[in-house]
Amino acid sequence: MRKKMKIYRMLRVIVIVVVASIFFGFVIQHLWNWLMPAIFGLRPITFTQALGLFLLSKILFGGFHRHSGGRGWRRHMEERWSQMSPEERERFRSGMRGRRGCGFGSRSEPSPQQAPQ
């Protein structure tokens, strides 16, 4: 019974990967052929070239890993939080409060480059 379930699960994953690859291949092909020739003067691509671009982008940017929905990150942060002392927790909280949004250059105190002279 367990062996049948494993085979069924593996076949389901293979079917999902194949269908998703075909879908993303068509999306990439149509987006490329719609945008790139008009914007940059590049040639249109075929479906197989679009699949190659999809594979290349997964290798370079996405990787091939299981997506756990953030559960791995959450567990990691809970472990770190439990190992922090109360002083470290407060320092972390105050640092996060100072970020105000995304935290890229949004601190209230000016940096040395921005300080008035």
PDB file of N, CA and C in Angstrom:
ATOM      1  N   MET A   1       0.821  -1.202   0.000  1.00  0.00           N
ATOM      2  CA  MET A   1       0.000   0.000   0.000  1.00  0.00           C
ATOM      3  C   MET A   1       0.863   1.263   0.000  1.00  0.00           C
ATOM      4  N   ARG A   2       1.894   1.280   0.866  1.00  0.00           N
ATOM      5  CA  ARG A   2       2.773   2.450   0.934  1.00  0.00           C
ATOM      6  C   ARG A   2       3.515   2.663  -0.376  1.00  0.00           C
ATOM      7  N   LYS A   3       3.928   1.565  -0.994  1.00  0.00           N
ATOM      8  CA  LYS A   3       4.666   1.669  -2.245  1.00  0.00           C
ATOM      9  C   LYS A   3       3.793   2.283  -3.333  1.00  0.00           C
ATOM     10  N   LYS A   4       2.515   1.895  -3.368  1.00  0.00           N
ATOM     11  CA  LYS A   4       1.593   2.474  -4.347  1.00  0.00           C
ATOM     12  C   LYS A   4       1.416   3.973  -4.112  1.00  0.00           C
ATOM     13  N   MET A   5       1.329   4.360  -2.847  1.00  0.00           N
ATOM     14  CA  MET A   5       1.185   5.785  -2.526  1.00  0.00           C
ATOM     15  C   MET A   5       2.410   6.578  -2.958  1.00  0.00           C
ATOM     16  N   LYS A   6       3.607   6.000  -2.757  1.00  0.00           N
ATOM     17  CA  LYS A   6       4.835   6.682  -3.180  1.00  0.00           C
ATOM     18  C   LYS A   6       4.863   6.848  -4.691  1.00  0.00           C
ATOM     19  N   ILE A   7       4.501   5.786  -5.402  1.00  0.00           N
ATOM     20  CA  ILE A   7       4.496   5.847  -6.865  1.00  0.00           C
ATOM     21  C   ILE A   7       3.471   6.870  -7.340  1.00  0.00           C
ATOM     22  N   TYR A   8       2.282   6.849  -6.733  1.00  0.00           N
ATOM     23  CA  TYR A   8       1.243   7.816  -7.098  1.00  0.00           C
ATOM     24  C   TYR A   8       1.723   9.240  -6.845  1.00  0.00           C
ATOM     25  N   ARG A   9       2.344   9.475  -5.700  1.00  0.00           N
ATOM     26  CA  ARG A   9       2.835  10.810  -5.358  1.00  0.00           C
ATOM     27  C   ARG A   9       3.927  11.247  -6.330  1.00  0.00           C
ATOM     28  N   MET A  10       4.833  10.320  -6.689  1.00  0.00           N
ATOM     29  CA  MET A  10       5.906  10.658  -7.614  1.00  0.00           C
ATOM     30  C   MET A  10       5.345  10.980  -9.001  1.00  0.00           C
ATOM     31  N   LEU A  11       4.388  10.188  -9.465  1.00  0.00           N
ATOM     32  CA  LEU A  11       3.775  10.462 -10.766  1.00  0.00           C
ATOM     33  C   LEU A  11       3.044  11.801 -10.754  1.00  0.00           C
ATOM     34  N   ARG A  12       2.378  12.094  -9.656  1.00  0.00           N
ATOM     35  CA  ARG A  12       1.681  13.382  -9.546  1.00  0.00           C
ATOM     36  C   ARG A  12       2.663  14.545  -9.618  1.00  0.00           C
ATOM     37  N   VAL A  13       3.801  14.423  -8.947  1.00  0.00           N
ATOM     38  CA  VAL A  13       4.815  15.477  -8.986  1.00  0.00           C
ATOM     39  C   VAL A  13       5.367  15.628 -10.394  1.00  0.00           C
ATOM     40  N   ILE A  14       5.628  14.517 -11.059  1.00  0.00           N
ATOM     41  CA  ILE A  14       6.151  14.576 -12.430  1.00  0.00           C
ATOM     42  C   ILE A  14       5.153  15.251 -13.355  1.00  0.00           C
ATOM     43  N   VAL A  15       3.882  14.913 -13.239  1.00  0.00           N
ATOM     44  CA  VAL A  15       2.852  15.532 -14.087  1.00  0.00           C
ATOM     45  C   VAL A  15       2.778  17.034 -13.803  1.00  0.00           C
ATOM     46  N   ILE A  16       2.825  17.419 -12.542  1.00  0.00           N
ATOM     47  CA  ILE A  16       2.763  18.846 -12.189  1.00  0.00           C
ATOM     48  C   ILE A  16       3.967  19.586 -12.751  1.00  0.00           C
ATOM     49  N   VAL A  17       5.155  18.999 -12.656  1.00  0.00           N
ATOM     50  CA  VAL A  17       6.368  19.641 -13.183  1.00  0.00           C
ATOM     51  C   VAL A  17       6.280  19.789 -14.693  1.00  0.00           C
ATOM     52  N   VAL A  18       5.805  18.764 -15.390  1.00  0.00           N
ATOM     53  CA  VAL A  18       5.696  18.825 -16.848  1.00  0.00           C
ATOM     54  C   VAL A  18       4.681  19.888 -17.267  1.00  0.00           C
ATOM     55  N   VAL A  19       3.517  19.883 -16.631  1.00  0.00           N
ATOM     56  CA  VAL A  19       2.480  20.866 -16.975  1.00  0.00           C
ATOM     57  C   VAL A  19       2.964  22.286 -16.664  1.00  0.00           C
ATOM     58  N   ALA A  20       3.600  22.478 -15.523  1.00  0.00           N
ATOM     59  CA  ALA A  20       4.101  23.807 -15.160  1.00  0.00           C
ATOM     60  C   ALA A  20       5.190  24.257 -16.126  1.00  0.00           C
ATOM     61  N   SER A  21       6.070  23.335 -16.533  1.00  0.00           N
ATOM     62  CA  SER A  21       7.128  23.691 -17.486  1.00  0.00           C
ATOM     63  C   SER A  21       6.544  24.102 -18.833  1.00  0.00           C
ATOM     64  N   ILE A  22       5.554  23.365 -19.303  1.00  0.00           N
ATOM     65  CA  ILE A  22       4.919  23.728 -20.568  1.00  0.00           C
ATOM     66  C   ILE A  22       4.232  25.086 -20.451  1.00  0.00           C
ATOM     67  N   PHE A  23       3.519  25.297 -19.363  1.00  0.00           N
ATOM     68  CA  PHE A  23       2.837  26.575 -19.156  1.00  0.00           C
ATOM     69  C   PHE A  23       3.834  27.738 -19.125  1.00  0.00           C
ATOM     70  N   PHE A  24       4.878  27.604 -18.291  1.00  0.00           N
ATOM     71  CA  PHE A  24       5.855  28.691 -18.203  1.00  0.00           C
ATOM     72  C   PHE A  24       6.638  28.864 -19.495  1.00  0.00           C
ATOM     73  N   GLY A  25       6.851  27.766 -20.229  1.00  0.00           N
ATOM     74  CA  GLY A  25       7.505  27.874 -21.534  1.00  0.00           C
ATOM     75  C   GLY A  25       6.694  28.731 -22.497  1.00  0.00           C
ATOM     76  N   PHE A  26       5.383  28.497 -22.548  1.00  0.00           N
ATOM     77  CA  PHE A  26       4.527  29.301 -23.412  1.00  0.00           C
ATOM     78  C   PHE A  26       4.459  30.753 -22.939  1.00  0.00           C
ATOM     79  N   VAL A  27       4.374  30.954 -21.640  1.00  0.00           N
ATOM     80  CA  VAL A  27       4.330  32.326 -21.112  1.00  0.00           C
ATOM     81  C   VAL A  27       5.610  33.073 -21.462  1.00  0.00           C
ATOM     82  N   ILE A  28       6.757  32.438 -21.244  1.00  0.00           N
ATOM     83  CA  ILE A  28       8.035  33.085 -21.557  1.00  0.00           C
ATOM     84  C   ILE A  28       8.150  33.357 -23.043  1.00  0.00           C
ATOM     85  N   GLN A  29       7.758  32.393 -23.880  1.00  0.00           N
ATOM     86  CA  GLN A  29       7.835  32.583 -25.322  1.00  0.00           C
ATOM     87  C   GLN A  29       6.976  33.759 -25.772  1.00  0.00           C
ATOM     88  N   HIS A  30       5.754  33.811 -25.295  1.00  0.00           N
ATOM     89  CA  HIS A  30       4.854  34.874 -25.749  1.00  0.00           C
ATOM     90  C   HIS A  30       5.280  36.237 -25.200  1.00  0.00           C
ATOM     91  N   LEU A  31       5.726  36.281 -23.959  1.00  0.00           N
ATOM     92  CA  LEU A  31       6.213  37.567 -23.426  1.00  0.00           C
ATOM     93  C   LEU A  31       7.449  38.036 -24.172  1.00  0.00           C
ATOM     94  N   TRP A  32       8.376  37.126 -24.432  1.00  0.00           N
ATOM     95  CA  TRP A  32       9.593  37.496 -25.170  1.00  0.00           C
ATOM     96  C   TRP A  32       9.225  38.007 -26.564  1.00  0.00           C
ATOM     97  N   ASN A  33       8.394  37.234 -27.268  1.00  0.00           N
ATOM     98  CA  ASN A  33       8.052  37.606 -28.646  1.00  0.00           C
ATOM     99  C   ASN A  33       7.201  38.866 -28.700  1.00  0.00           C
ATOM    100  N   TRP A  34       6.534  39.197 -27.639  1.00  0.00           N
ATOM    101  CA  TRP A  34       5.736  40.417 -27.596  1.00  0.00           C
ATOM    102  C   TRP A  34       6.600  41.632 -27.252  1.00  0.00           C
ATOM    103  N   LEU A  35       7.518  41.470 -26.298  1.00  0.00           N
ATOM    104  CA  LEU A  35       8.264  42.624 -25.792  1.00  0.00           C
ATOM    105  C   LEU A  35       9.644  42.818 -26.420  1.00  0.00           C
ATOM    106  N   MET A  36      10.444  41.792 -26.478  1.00  0.00           N
ATOM    107  CA  MET A  36      11.854  41.957 -26.849  1.00  0.00           C
ATOM    108  C   MET A  36      12.082  42.455 -28.276  1.00  0.00           C
ATOM    109  N   PRO A  37      11.360  41.944 -29.282  1.00  0.00           N
ATOM    110  CA  PRO A  37      11.593  42.501 -30.621  1.00  0.00           C
ATOM    111  C   PRO A  37      11.208  43.980 -30.715  1.00  0.00           C
ATOM    112  N   ALA A  38      10.145  44.367 -30.040  1.00  0.00           N
ATOM    113  CA  ALA A  38       9.699  45.756 -30.112  1.00  0.00           C
ATOM    114  C   ALA A  38      10.612  46.685 -29.322  1.00  0.00           C
ATOM    115  N   ILE A  39      11.096  46.242 -28.162  1.00  0.00           N
ATOM    116  CA  ILE A  39      11.898  47.113 -27.308  1.00  0.00           C
ATOM    117  C   ILE A  39      13.363  47.126 -27.716  1.00  0.00           C
ATOM    118  N   PHE A  40      13.946  45.936 -27.907  1.00  0.00           N
ATOM    119  CA  PHE A  40      15.394  45.839 -28.139  1.00  0.00           C
ATOM    120  C   PHE A  40      15.764  45.395 -29.551  1.00  0.00           C
ATOM    121  N   GLY A  41      14.786  45.100 -30.396  1.00  0.00           N
ATOM    122  CA  GLY A  41      15.070  44.671 -31.761  1.00  0.00           C
ATOM    123  C   GLY A  41      15.622  43.250 -31.836  1.00  0.00           C
ATOM    124  N   LEU A  42      15.347  42.421 -30.853  1.00  0.00           N
ATOM    125  CA  LEU A  42      15.817  41.037 -30.856  1.00  0.00           C
ATOM    126  C   LEU A  42      14.868  40.158 -31.656  1.00  0.00           C
ATOM    127  N   ARG A  43      15.372  38.973 -32.048  1.00  0.00           N
ATOM    128  CA  ARG A  43      14.550  38.054 -32.828  1.00  0.00           C
ATOM    129  C   ARG A  43      13.560  37.318 -31.924  1.00  0.00           C
ATOM    130  N   PRO A  44      12.427  36.910 -32.475  1.00  0.00           N
ATOM    131  CA  PRO A  44      11.500  36.054 -31.717  1.00  0.00           C
ATOM    132  C   PRO A  44      12.151  34.707 -31.422  1.00  0.00           C
ATOM    133  N   ILE A  45      11.680  34.022 -30.380  1.00  0.00           N
ATOM    134  CA  ILE A  45      12.238  32.733 -29.991  1.00  0.00           C
ATOM    135  C   ILE A  45      11.189  31.639 -30.165  1.00  0.00           C
ATOM    136  N   THR A  46      11.668  30.404 -30.211  1.00  0.00           N
ATOM    137  CA  THR A  46      10.783  29.248 -30.328  1.00  0.00           C
ATOM    138  C   THR A  46      10.414  28.753 -28.925  1.00  0.00           C
ATOM    139  N   PHE A  47       9.517  27.784 -28.882  1.00  0.00           N
ATOM    140  CA  PHE A  47       9.092  27.212 -27.607  1.00  0.00           C
ATOM    141  C   PHE A  47      10.262  26.533 -26.895  1.00  0.00           C
ATOM    142  N   THR A  48      11.077  25.794 -27.634  1.00  0.00           N
ATOM    143  CA  THR A  48      12.212  25.111 -26.999  1.00  0.00           C
ATOM    144  C   THR A  48      13.239  26.108 -26.466  1.00  0.00           C
ATOM    145  N   GLN A  49      13.425  27.228 -27.165  1.00  0.00           N
ATOM    146  CA  GLN A  49      14.317  28.256 -26.644  1.00  0.00           C
ATOM    147  C   GLN A  49      13.744  28.887 -25.380  1.00  0.00           C
ATOM    148  N   ALA A  50      12.422  29.030 -25.340  1.00  0.00           N
ATOM    149  CA  ALA A  50      11.788  29.563 -24.133  1.00  0.00           C
ATOM    150  C   ALA A  50      11.963  28.603 -22.960  1.00  0.00           C
ATOM    151  N   LEU A  51      11.843  27.290 -23.221  1.00  0.00           N
ATOM    152  CA  LEU A  51      12.102  26.313 -22.159  1.00  0.00           C
ATOM    153  C   LEU A  51      13.548  26.387 -21.696  1.00  0.00           C
ATOM    154  N   GLY A  52      14.467  26.595 -22.618  1.00  0.00           N
ATOM    155  CA  GLY A  52      15.872  26.760 -22.251  1.00  0.00           C
ATOM    156  C   GLY A  52      16.094  27.993 -21.394  1.00  0.00           C
ATOM    157  N   LEU A  53      15.417  29.098 -21.738  1.00  0.00           N
ATOM    158  CA  LEU A  53      15.512  30.307 -20.905  1.00  0.00           C
ATOM    159  C   LEU A  53      14.945  30.071 -19.517  1.00  0.00           C
ATOM    160  N   PHE A  54      13.829  29.344 -19.448  1.00  0.00           N
ATOM    161  CA  PHE A  54      13.224  29.022 -18.164  1.00  0.00           C
ATOM    162  C   PHE A  54      14.179  28.183 -17.322  1.00  0.00           C
ATOM    163  N   LEU A  55      14.774  27.168 -17.909  1.00  0.00           N
ATOM    164  CA  LEU A  55      15.718  26.316 -17.198  1.00  0.00           C
ATOM    165  C   LEU A  55      16.941  27.120 -16.748  1.00  0.00           C
ATOM    166  N   LEU A  56      17.460  27.958 -17.625  1.00  0.00           N
ATOM    167  CA  LEU A  56      18.623  28.783 -17.273  1.00  0.00           C
ATOM    168  C   LEU A  56      18.301  29.740 -16.133  1.00  0.00           C
ATOM    169  N   SER A  57      17.125  30.339 -16.162  1.00  0.00           N
ATOM    170  CA  SER A  57      16.767  31.267 -15.092  1.00  0.00           C
ATOM    171  C   SER A  57      16.571  30.534 -13.769  1.00  0.00           C
ATOM    172  N   LYS A  58      16.031  29.304 -13.811  1.00  0.00           N
ATOM    173  CA  LYS A  58      15.902  28.520 -12.579  1.00  0.00           C
ATOM    174  C   LYS A  58      17.276  28.185 -12.009  1.00  0.00           C
ATOM    175  N   ILE A  59      18.221  27.845 -12.870  1.00  0.00           N
ATOM    176  CA  ILE A  59      19.562  27.522 -12.402  1.00  0.00           C
ATOM    177  C   ILE A  59      20.240  28.758 -11.823  1.00  0.00           C
ATOM    178  N   LEU A  60      20.150  29.879 -12.525  1.00  0.00           N
ATOM    179  CA  LEU A  60      20.864  31.085 -12.093  1.00  0.00           C
ATOM    180  C   LEU A  60      20.213  31.790 -10.920  1.00  0.00           C
ATOM    181  N   PHE A  61      18.886  31.848 -10.892  1.00  0.00           N
ATOM    182  CA  PHE A  61      18.207  32.681  -9.898  1.00  0.00           C
ATOM    183  C   PHE A  61      17.362  31.905  -8.897  1.00  0.00           C
ATOM    184  N   GLY A  62      16.679  30.856  -9.331  1.00  0.00           N
ATOM    185  CA  GLY A  62      15.713  30.214  -8.456  1.00  0.00           C
ATOM    186  C   GLY A  62      16.216  28.973  -7.760  1.00  0.00           C
ATOM    187  N   GLY A  63      17.029  28.206  -8.427  1.00  0.00           N
ATOM    188  CA  GLY A  63      17.453  26.946  -7.859  1.00  0.00           C
ATOM    189  C   GLY A  63      16.355  25.906  -7.954  1.00  0.00           C
ATOM    190  N   PHE A  64      16.682  24.702  -7.537  1.00  0.00           N
ATOM    191  CA  PHE A  64      15.729  23.603  -7.565  1.00  0.00           C
ATOM    192  C   PHE A  64      15.592  23.072  -6.153  1.00  0.00           C
ATOM    193  N   HIS A  65      14.793  23.726  -5.373  1.00  0.00           N
ATOM    194  CA  HIS A  65      14.601  23.330  -3.988  1.00  0.00           C
ATOM    195  C   HIS A  65      13.118  23.249  -3.689  1.00  0.00           C
ATOM    196  N   ARG A  66      12.807  22.564  -2.625  1.00  0.00           N
ATOM    197  CA  ARG A  66      11.412  22.461  -2.226  1.00  0.00           C
ATOM    198  C   ARG A  66      11.002  23.744  -1.538  1.00  0.00           C
ATOM    199  N   HIS A  67       9.835  24.214  -1.861  1.00  0.00           N
ATOM    200  CA  HIS A  67       9.305  25.414  -1.224  1.00  0.00           C
ATOM    201  C   HIS A  67       8.455  24.977  -0.035  1.00  0.00           C
ATOM    202  N   SER A  68       8.920  25.347   1.161  1.00  0.00           N
ATOM    203  CA  SER A  68       8.215  24.894   2.359  1.00  0.00           C
ATOM    204  C   SER A  68       7.214  25.927   2.853  1.00  0.00           C
ATOM    205  N   GLY A  69       6.976  26.961   2.092  1.00  0.00           N
ATOM    206  CA  GLY A  69       6.006  27.965   2.517  1.00  0.00           C
ATOM    207  C   GLY A  69       6.489  28.806   3.677  1.00  0.00           C
ATOM    208  N   GLY A  70       7.800  28.910   3.846  1.00  0.00           N
ATOM    209  CA  GLY A  70       8.347  29.735   4.906  1.00  0.00           C
ATOM    210  C   GLY A  70       8.434  29.032   6.250  1.00  0.00           C
ATOM    211  N   ARG A  71       8.029  27.770   6.314  1.00  0.00           N
ATOM    212  CA  ARG A  71       8.068  27.068   7.602  1.00  0.00           C
ATOM    213  C   ARG A  71       9.495  26.859   8.077  1.00  0.00           C
ATOM    214  N   GLY A  72      10.430  26.604   7.179  1.00  0.00           N
ATOM    215  CA  GLY A  72      11.824  26.424   7.569  1.00  0.00           C
ATOM    216  C   GLY A  72      12.397  27.705   8.154  1.00  0.00           C
ATOM    217  N   TRP A  73      12.103  28.830   7.545  1.00  0.00           N
ATOM    218  CA  TRP A  73      12.578  30.121   8.037  1.00  0.00           C
ATOM    219  C   TRP A  73      11.962  30.421   9.394  1.00  0.00           C
ATOM    220  N   ARG A  74      10.687  30.151   9.530  1.00  0.00           N
ATOM    221  CA  ARG A  74      10.007  30.435  10.793  1.00  0.00           C
ATOM    222  C   ARG A  74      10.584  29.593  11.929  1.00  0.00           C
ATOM    223  N   ARG A  75      10.810  28.313  11.658  1.00  0.00           N
ATOM    224  CA  ARG A  75      11.386  27.428  12.667  1.00  0.00           C
ATOM    225  C   ARG A  75      12.785  27.913  13.052  1.00  0.00           C
ATOM    226  N   HIS A  76      13.555  28.325  12.067  1.00  0.00           N
ATOM    227  CA  HIS A  76      14.900  28.835  12.322  1.00  0.00           C
ATOM    228  C   HIS A  76      14.852  30.072  13.217  1.00  0.00           C
ATOM    229  N   MET A  77      13.932  30.991  12.906  1.00  0.00           N
ATOM    230  CA  MET A  77      13.837  32.208  13.713  1.00  0.00           C
ATOM    231  C   MET A  77      13.330  31.915  15.120  1.00  0.00           C
ATOM    232  N   GLU A  78      12.419  30.962  15.276  1.00  0.00           N
ATOM    233  CA  GLU A  78      11.945  30.591  16.610  1.00  0.00           C
ATOM    234  C   GLU A  78      13.071  29.998  17.444  1.00  0.00           C
ATOM    235  N   GLU A  79      13.928  29.186  16.812  1.00  0.00           N
ATOM    236  CA  GLU A  79      15.073  28.625  17.536  1.00  0.00           C
ATOM    237  C   GLU A  79      16.037  29.727  17.965  1.00  0.00           C
ATOM    238  N   ARG A  80      16.314  30.646  17.067  1.00  0.00           N
ATOM    239  CA  ARG A  80      17.213  31.755  17.416  1.00  0.00           C
ATOM    240  C   ARG A  80      16.624  32.605  18.530  1.00  0.00           C
ATOM    241  N   TRP A  81      15.313  32.880  18.449  1.00  0.00           N
ATOM    242  CA  TRP A  81      14.649  33.704  19.454  1.00  0.00           C
ATOM    243  C   TRP A  81      14.716  33.046  20.832  1.00  0.00           C
ATOM    244  N   SER A  82      14.519  31.716  20.860  1.00  0.00           N
ATOM    245  CA  SER A  82      14.538  31.020  22.152  1.00  0.00           C
ATOM    246  C   SER A  82      15.934  31.011  22.763  1.00  0.00           C
ATOM    247  N   GLN A  83      16.973  31.148  21.953  1.00  0.00           N
ATOM    248  CA  GLN A  83      18.337  31.148  22.466  1.00  0.00           C
ATOM    249  C   GLN A  83      18.826  32.541  22.845  1.00  0.00           C
ATOM    250  N   MET A  84      18.041  33.581  22.549  1.00  0.00           N
ATOM    251  CA  MET A  84      18.454  34.949  22.865  1.00  0.00           C
ATOM    252  C   MET A  84      18.172  35.268  24.330  1.00  0.00           C
ATOM    253  N   SER A  85      19.042  36.098  24.886  1.00  0.00           N
ATOM    254  CA  SER A  85      18.792  36.603  26.234  1.00  0.00           C
ATOM    255  C   SER A  85      17.761  37.732  26.138  1.00  0.00           C
ATOM    256  N   PRO A  86      17.132  38.124  27.252  1.00  0.00           N
ATOM    257  CA  PRO A  86      16.167  39.230  27.202  1.00  0.00           C
ATOM    258  C   PRO A  86      16.784  40.533  26.664  1.00  0.00           C
ATOM    259  N   GLU A  87      18.055  40.782  26.965  1.00  0.00           N
ATOM    260  CA  GLU A  87      18.709  41.986  26.451  1.00  0.00           C
ATOM    261  C   GLU A  87      18.864  41.915  24.931  1.00  0.00           C
ATOM    262  N   GLU A  88      19.237  40.737  24.426  1.00  0.00           N
ATOM    263  CA  GLU A  88      19.384  40.574  22.981  1.00  0.00           C
ATOM    264  C   GLU A  88      18.042  40.721  22.277  1.00  0.00           C
ATOM    265  N   ARG A  89      16.984  40.207  22.883  1.00  0.00           N
ATOM    266  CA  ARG A  89      15.646  40.341  22.292  1.00  0.00           C
ATOM    267  C   ARG A  89      15.235  41.804  22.213  1.00  0.00           C
ATOM    268  N   GLU A  90      15.470  42.548  23.254  1.00  0.00           N
ATOM    269  CA  GLU A  90      15.108  43.971  23.256  1.00  0.00           C
ATOM    270  C   GLU A  90      15.936  44.741  22.234  1.00  0.00           C
ATOM    271  N   ARG A  91      17.223  44.405  22.129  1.00  0.00           N
ATOM    272  CA  ARG A  91      18.072  45.064  21.139  1.00  0.00           C
ATOM    273  C   ARG A  91      17.565  44.749  19.729  1.00  0.00           C
ATOM    274  N   PHE A  92      17.161  43.507  19.494  1.00  0.00           N
ATOM    275  CA  PHE A  92      16.609  43.127  18.198  1.00  0.00           C
ATOM    276  C   PHE A  92      15.317  43.888  17.909  1.00  0.00           C
ATOM    277  N   ARG A  93      14.417  43.949  18.897  1.00  0.00           N
ATOM    278  CA  ARG A  93      13.157  44.684  18.717  1.00  0.00           C
ATOM    279  C   ARG A  93      13.413  46.150  18.400  1.00  0.00           C
ATOM    280  N   SER A  94      14.323  46.773  19.141  1.00  0.00           N
ATOM    281  CA  SER A  94      14.584  48.201  18.899  1.00  0.00           C
ATOM    282  C   SER A  94      15.214  48.408  17.525  1.00  0.00           C
ATOM    283  N   GLY A  95      16.042  47.466  17.096  1.00  0.00           N
ATOM    284  CA  GLY A  95      16.612  47.563  15.747  1.00  0.00           C
ATOM    285  C   GLY A  95      15.558  47.438  14.671  1.00  0.00           C
ATOM    286  N   MET A  96      14.585  46.553  14.888  1.00  0.00           N
ATOM    287  CA  MET A  96      13.510  46.388  13.909  1.00  0.00           C
ATOM    288  C   MET A  96      12.587  47.602  13.902  1.00  0.00           C
ATOM    289  N   ARG A  97      12.369  48.203  15.056  1.00  0.00           N
ATOM    290  CA  ARG A  97      11.527  49.403  15.103  1.00  0.00           C
ATOM    291  C   ARG A  97      12.169  50.547  14.325  1.00  0.00           C
ATOM    292  N   GLY A  98      13.481  50.622  14.336  1.00  0.00           N
ATOM    293  CA  GLY A  98      14.179  51.700  13.640  1.00  0.00           C
ATOM    294  C   GLY A  98      14.178  51.568  12.135  1.00  0.00           C
ATOM    295  N   ARG A  99      13.722  50.423  11.631  1.00  0.00           N
ATOM    296  CA  ARG A  99      13.747  50.214  10.178  1.00  0.00           C
ATOM    297  C   ARG A  99      12.669  50.997   9.453  1.00  0.00           C
ATOM    298  N   ARG A 100      11.482  51.106   9.995  1.00  0.00           N
ATOM    299  CA  ARG A 100      10.370  51.846   9.384  1.00  0.00           C
ATOM    300  C   ARG A 100      10.117  51.425   7.946  1.00  0.00           C
ATOM    301  N   GLY A 101       9.456  50.350   7.776  1.00  0.00           N
ATOM    302  CA  GLY A 101       9.138  49.876   6.421  1.00  0.00           C
ATOM    303  C   GLY A 101      10.151  48.856   5.968  1.00  0.00           C
ATOM    304  N   CYS A 102      10.740  49.089   4.807  1.00  0.00           N
ATOM    305  CA  CYS A 102      11.625  48.078   4.247  1.00  0.00           C
ATOM    306  C   CYS A 102      13.023  48.160   4.825  1.00  0.00           C
ATOM    307  N   GLY A 103      13.422  49.300   5.364  1.00  0.00           N
ATOM    308  CA  GLY A 103      14.711  49.393   6.020  1.00  0.00           C
ATOM    309  C   GLY A 103      15.854  49.827   5.129  1.00  0.00           C
ATOM    310  N   PHE A 104      15.609  50.195   3.902  1.00  0.00           N
ATOM    311  CA  PHE A 104      16.673  50.631   3.027  1.00  0.00           C
ATOM    312  C   PHE A 104      16.785  52.143   3.075  1.00  0.00           C
ATOM    313  N   GLY A 105      17.671  52.633   3.899  1.00  0.00           N
ATOM    314  CA  GLY A 105      17.918  54.071   3.986  1.00  0.00           C
ATOM    315  C   GLY A 105      16.791  54.850   4.621  1.00  0.00           C
ATOM    316  N   SER A 106      15.977  54.223   5.470  1.00  0.00           N
ATOM    317  CA  SER A 106      14.841  54.937   6.034  1.00  0.00           C
ATOM    318  C   SER A 106      15.013  55.218   7.521  1.00  0.00           C
ATOM    319  N   ARG A 107      16.229  55.173   8.023  1.00  0.00           N
ATOM    320  CA  ARG A 107      16.456  55.455   9.438  1.00  0.00           C
ATOM    321  C   ARG A 107      16.324  56.946   9.690  1.00  0.00           C
ATOM    322  N   SER A 108      15.949  57.285  10.913  1.00  0.00           N
ATOM    323  CA  SER A 108      15.695  58.688  11.225  1.00  0.00           C
ATOM    324  C   SER A 108      16.994  59.490  11.339  1.00  0.00           C
ATOM    325  N   GLU A 109      18.091  58.868  11.832  1.00  0.00           N
ATOM    326  CA  GLU A 109      19.333  59.605  11.940  1.00  0.00           C
ATOM    327  C   GLU A 109      20.037  59.606  10.600  1.00  0.00           C
ATOM    328  N   PRO A 110      20.603  60.746  10.185  1.00  0.00           N
ATOM    329  CA  PRO A 110      21.251  60.810   8.872  1.00  0.00           C
ATOM    330  C   PRO A 110      22.566  60.015   8.888  1.00  0.00           C
ATOM    331  N   SER A 111      22.893  59.449   7.761  1.00  0.00           N
ATOM    332  CA  SER A 111      24.163  58.747   7.637  1.00  0.00           C
ATOM    333  C   SER A 111      25.271  59.774   7.469  1.00  0.00           C
ATOM    334  N   PRO A 112      26.541  59.376   7.624  1.00  0.00           N
ATOM    335  CA  PRO A 112      27.631  60.353   7.491  1.00  0.00           C
ATOM    336  C   PRO A 112      27.669  61.049   6.139  1.00  0.00           C
ATOM    337  N   GLN A 113      27.216  60.382   5.065  1.00  0.00           N
ATOM    338  CA  GLN A 113      27.200  61.014   3.758  1.00  0.00           C
ATOM    339  C   GLN A 113      26.093  62.060   3.660  1.00  0.00           C
ATOM    340  N   GLN A 114      25.015  61.892   4.433  1.00  0.00           N
ATOM    341  CA  GLN A 114      23.884  62.795   4.350  1.00  0.00           C
ATOM    342  C   GLN A 114      23.947  63.926   5.367  1.00  0.00           C
ATOM    343  N   ALA A 115      24.892  63.863   6.293  1.00  0.00           N
ATOM    344  CA  ALA A 115      24.960  64.857   7.358  1.00  0.00           C
ATOM    345  C   ALA A 115      25.254  66.233   6.781  1.00  0.00           C
ATOM    346  N   PRO A 116      24.562  67.270   7.275  1.00  0.00           N
ATOM    347  CA  PRO A 116      24.817  68.613   6.769  1.00  0.00           C
ATOM    348  C   PRO A 116      26.196  69.083   7.186  1.00  0.00           C
ATOM    349  N   GLN A 117      26.808  69.864   6.290  1.00  0.00           N
ATOM    350  CA  GLN A 117      28.179  70.345   6.560  1.00  0.00           C
ATOM    351  C   GLN A 117      28.216  71.829   6.696  1.00  0.00           C
TER     352      GLN A 117
END
